[in-house]
Amino acid sequence: MTWEIASSVIQQIQFSNDGRYFLGYTEDSSVMILDAFQGSKISEIRGGGNGRSMACFSGDSQYIAVGNENSN
C-alpha cells in the first residue's frame, strides 16, 4: 500500500498501541493522524513556530498528546 499525502514529507511515524492508526511527523512541524489500513488522513495538527512537533498516543489509543519545541 502507498500513502499519498499531498505537499507533506513525512519524516517519522509512530503506530498506535492498537495498530489501527499512526502519527506522521512532517518537515513543517505538523502531526498527521493516519488510518494504518486505508492510508487516509484522519486529521492534521499544525505545529506552531519553527520547532519540531512530537506526539504520542494514550495507552488505549483514544487520545493524543502533542507538544512543540519552539526554537525562538
N, C-alpha and C. Protein backbone atom coordinates (compact mmCIF):
# COMPACT_ATOMS: atom_id res chain seq x y z
N MET A 1 0.84 -1.17 0.00
CA MET A 1 0.00 0.00 0.00
C MET A 1 0.89 1.23 0.00
N THR A 2 0.47 2.25 -0.72
CA THR A 2 1.19 3.51 -0.78
C THR A 2 0.30 4.61 -0.23
N TRP A 3 0.86 5.41 0.66
CA TRP A 3 0.12 6.56 1.18
C TRP A 3 0.58 7.78 0.43
N GLU A 4 -0.36 8.55 -0.09
CA GLU A 4 -0.04 9.77 -0.80
C GLU A 4 -0.62 10.94 -0.02
N ILE A 5 0.26 11.70 0.59
CA ILE A 5 -0.15 12.86 1.35
C ILE A 5 0.37 14.08 0.60
N ALA A 6 -0.53 14.86 0.07
CA ALA A 6 -0.15 15.99 -0.77
C ALA A 6 0.69 17.01 -0.02
N SER A 7 1.77 17.42 -0.62
CA SER A 7 2.65 18.51 -0.19
C SER A 7 3.24 18.37 1.21
N SER A 8 3.34 17.17 1.72
CA SER A 8 3.96 16.97 3.03
C SER A 8 4.95 15.81 2.96
N VAL A 9 6.12 16.02 3.51
CA VAL A 9 7.12 14.96 3.60
C VAL A 9 7.07 14.42 5.02
N ILE A 10 6.73 13.14 5.15
CA ILE A 10 6.68 12.53 6.47
C ILE A 10 8.07 12.06 6.84
N GLN A 11 8.57 12.57 7.95
CA GLN A 11 9.92 12.26 8.38
C GLN A 11 9.98 11.09 9.36
N GLN A 12 8.90 10.85 10.09
CA GLN A 12 8.91 9.81 11.11
C GLN A 12 7.47 9.36 11.34
N ILE A 13 7.27 8.08 11.68
CA ILE A 13 5.94 7.60 12.01
C ILE A 13 5.97 6.88 13.36
N GLN A 14 4.80 6.82 13.97
CA GLN A 14 4.64 6.11 15.23
C GLN A 14 3.26 5.45 15.22
N PHE A 15 3.21 4.14 15.42
CA PHE A 15 1.94 3.42 15.43
C PHE A 15 1.25 3.53 16.78
N SER A 16 -0.08 3.50 16.76
CA SER A 16 -0.85 3.45 18.00
C SER A 16 -0.71 2.06 18.60
N ASN A 17 -1.02 1.96 19.89
CA ASN A 17 -0.89 0.67 20.57
C ASN A 17 -1.80 -0.41 19.98
N ASP A 18 -2.95 -0.01 19.45
CA ASP A 18 -3.87 -1.00 18.85
C ASP A 18 -3.57 -1.27 17.38
N GLY A 19 -2.59 -0.55 16.79
CA GLY A 19 -2.18 -0.78 15.41
C GLY A 19 -3.12 -0.24 14.35
N ARG A 20 -4.16 0.48 14.75
CA ARG A 20 -5.14 0.99 13.79
C ARG A 20 -4.74 2.31 13.17
N TYR A 21 -3.92 3.07 13.86
CA TYR A 21 -3.56 4.41 13.41
C TYR A 21 -2.05 4.60 13.50
N PHE A 22 -1.58 5.62 12.82
CA PHE A 22 -0.21 6.05 13.09
C PHE A 22 -0.12 7.55 12.95
N LEU A 23 0.85 8.10 13.65
CA LEU A 23 1.14 9.52 13.60
C LEU A 23 2.28 9.72 12.62
N GLY A 24 2.13 10.67 11.74
CA GLY A 24 3.19 11.02 10.80
C GLY A 24 3.70 12.41 11.11
N TYR A 25 4.99 12.51 11.39
CA TYR A 25 5.62 13.80 11.69
C TYR A 25 6.17 14.37 10.40
N THR A 26 5.81 15.60 10.09
CA THR A 26 6.22 16.20 8.82
C THR A 26 7.32 17.23 9.01
N GLU A 27 7.93 17.60 7.90
CA GLU A 27 9.03 18.56 7.93
C GLU A 27 8.57 19.97 8.30
N ASP A 28 7.28 20.26 8.20
CA ASP A 28 6.78 21.60 8.55
C ASP A 28 6.18 21.64 9.96
N SER A 29 6.60 20.70 10.83
CA SER A 29 6.20 20.64 12.24
C SER A 29 4.75 20.27 12.47
N SER A 30 4.11 19.66 11.48
CA SER A 30 2.75 19.18 11.66
C SER A 30 2.77 17.72 12.07
N VAL A 31 1.68 17.29 12.70
CA VAL A 31 1.50 15.89 13.05
C VAL A 31 0.20 15.43 12.38
N MET A 32 0.30 14.40 11.56
CA MET A 32 -0.87 13.85 10.88
C MET A 32 -1.30 12.56 11.56
N ILE A 33 -2.60 12.39 11.69
CA ILE A 33 -3.17 11.15 12.20
C ILE A 33 -3.70 10.41 10.98
N LEU A 34 -3.15 9.21 10.75
CA LEU A 34 -3.48 8.45 9.55
C LEU A 34 -4.05 7.08 9.90
N ASP A 35 -4.98 6.62 9.09
CA ASP A 35 -5.53 5.28 9.23
C ASP A 35 -4.51 4.30 8.68
N ALA A 36 -4.05 3.37 9.49
CA ALA A 36 -2.99 2.45 9.09
C ALA A 36 -3.44 1.44 8.03
N PHE A 37 -4.75 1.19 7.93
CA PHE A 37 -5.24 0.21 6.97
C PHE A 37 -5.65 0.83 5.64
N GLN A 38 -6.27 2.00 5.70
CA GLN A 38 -6.75 2.66 4.49
C GLN A 38 -5.75 3.65 3.91
N GLY A 39 -4.83 4.14 4.75
CA GLY A 39 -3.87 5.13 4.28
C GLY A 39 -4.43 6.53 4.21
N SER A 40 -5.63 6.74 4.72
CA SER A 40 -6.26 8.05 4.64
C SER A 40 -5.90 8.92 5.83
N LYS A 41 -5.83 10.23 5.58
CA LYS A 41 -5.54 11.18 6.65
C LYS A 41 -6.83 11.45 7.41
N ILE A 42 -6.78 11.24 8.72
CA ILE A 42 -7.94 11.48 9.57
C ILE A 42 -7.95 12.92 10.06
N SER A 43 -6.79 13.41 10.45
CA SER A 43 -6.69 14.76 10.97
C SER A 43 -5.25 15.23 10.86
N GLU A 44 -5.07 16.55 10.99
CA GLU A 44 -3.72 17.11 10.98
C GLU A 44 -3.64 18.20 12.03
N ILE A 45 -2.59 18.18 12.80
CA ILE A 45 -2.35 19.18 13.84
C ILE A 45 -1.15 19.99 13.38
N ARG A 46 -1.38 21.26 13.10
CA ARG A 46 -0.32 22.13 12.60
C ARG A 46 0.58 22.58 13.74
N GLY A 47 1.88 22.47 13.53
CA GLY A 47 2.85 22.90 14.53
C GLY A 47 2.94 24.41 14.59
N GLY A 48 3.20 24.93 15.76
CA GLY A 48 3.36 26.36 15.92
C GLY A 48 4.84 26.71 15.95
N GLY A 49 5.19 27.83 15.41
CA GLY A 49 6.58 28.26 15.44
C GLY A 49 7.41 27.48 14.43
N ASN A 50 8.71 27.45 14.68
CA ASN A 50 9.60 26.78 13.73
C ASN A 50 10.34 25.62 14.39
N GLY A 51 9.78 25.09 15.45
CA GLY A 51 10.40 23.96 16.13
C GLY A 51 9.82 22.64 15.66
N ARG A 52 10.29 21.57 16.25
CA ARG A 52 9.86 20.22 15.90
C ARG A 52 8.67 19.81 16.77
N SER A 53 7.65 19.23 16.16
CA SER A 53 6.49 18.73 16.90
C SER A 53 6.65 17.25 17.19
N MET A 54 6.16 16.83 18.33
CA MET A 54 6.14 15.42 18.72
C MET A 54 4.78 15.11 19.31
N ALA A 55 4.39 13.86 19.25
CA ALA A 55 3.10 13.45 19.78
C ALA A 55 3.18 12.01 20.24
N CYS A 56 2.19 11.60 21.02
CA CYS A 56 2.11 10.19 21.43
C CYS A 56 0.66 9.84 21.70
N PHE A 57 0.35 8.57 21.52
CA PHE A 57 -0.98 8.06 21.82
C PHE A 57 -1.06 7.71 23.30
N SER A 58 -2.27 7.81 23.85
CA SER A 58 -2.50 7.29 25.20
C SER A 58 -2.46 5.77 25.14
N GLY A 59 -2.39 5.13 26.28
CA GLY A 59 -2.29 3.67 26.33
C GLY A 59 -3.42 2.95 25.63
N ASP A 60 -4.63 3.54 25.64
CA ASP A 60 -5.78 2.91 24.98
C ASP A 60 -6.00 3.43 23.55
N SER A 61 -5.08 4.23 23.04
CA SER A 61 -5.12 4.79 21.69
C SER A 61 -6.31 5.71 21.43
N GLN A 62 -6.93 6.23 22.48
CA GLN A 62 -8.10 7.10 22.33
C GLN A 62 -7.73 8.58 22.29
N TYR A 63 -6.57 8.93 22.82
CA TYR A 63 -6.16 10.32 22.91
C TYR A 63 -4.75 10.50 22.37
N ILE A 64 -4.44 11.74 22.01
CA ILE A 64 -3.11 12.07 21.53
C ILE A 64 -2.63 13.31 22.27
N ALA A 65 -1.42 13.26 22.77
CA ALA A 65 -0.79 14.43 23.38
C ALA A 65 0.23 14.97 22.37
N VAL A 66 0.22 16.29 22.17
CA VAL A 66 1.09 16.93 21.18
C VAL A 66 1.87 18.06 21.85
N GLY A 67 3.14 18.16 21.52
CA GLY A 67 3.96 19.26 22.01
C GLY A 67 4.83 19.77 20.89
N ASN A 68 5.35 20.98 21.06
CA ASN A 68 6.18 21.60 20.03
C ASN A 68 7.37 22.26 20.67
N GLU A 69 8.54 21.99 20.11
CA GLU A 69 9.78 22.62 20.55
C GLU A 69 9.96 23.89 19.72
N ASN A 70 9.81 25.04 20.35
CA ASN A 70 9.94 26.29 19.65
C ASN A 70 11.35 26.82 19.87
N SER A 71 12.07 27.04 18.80
CA SER A 71 13.47 27.45 18.91
C SER A 71 13.65 28.96 18.96
N ASN A 72 12.58 29.71 19.14
CA ASN A 72 12.70 31.18 19.25
C ASN A 72 13.14 31.57 20.64
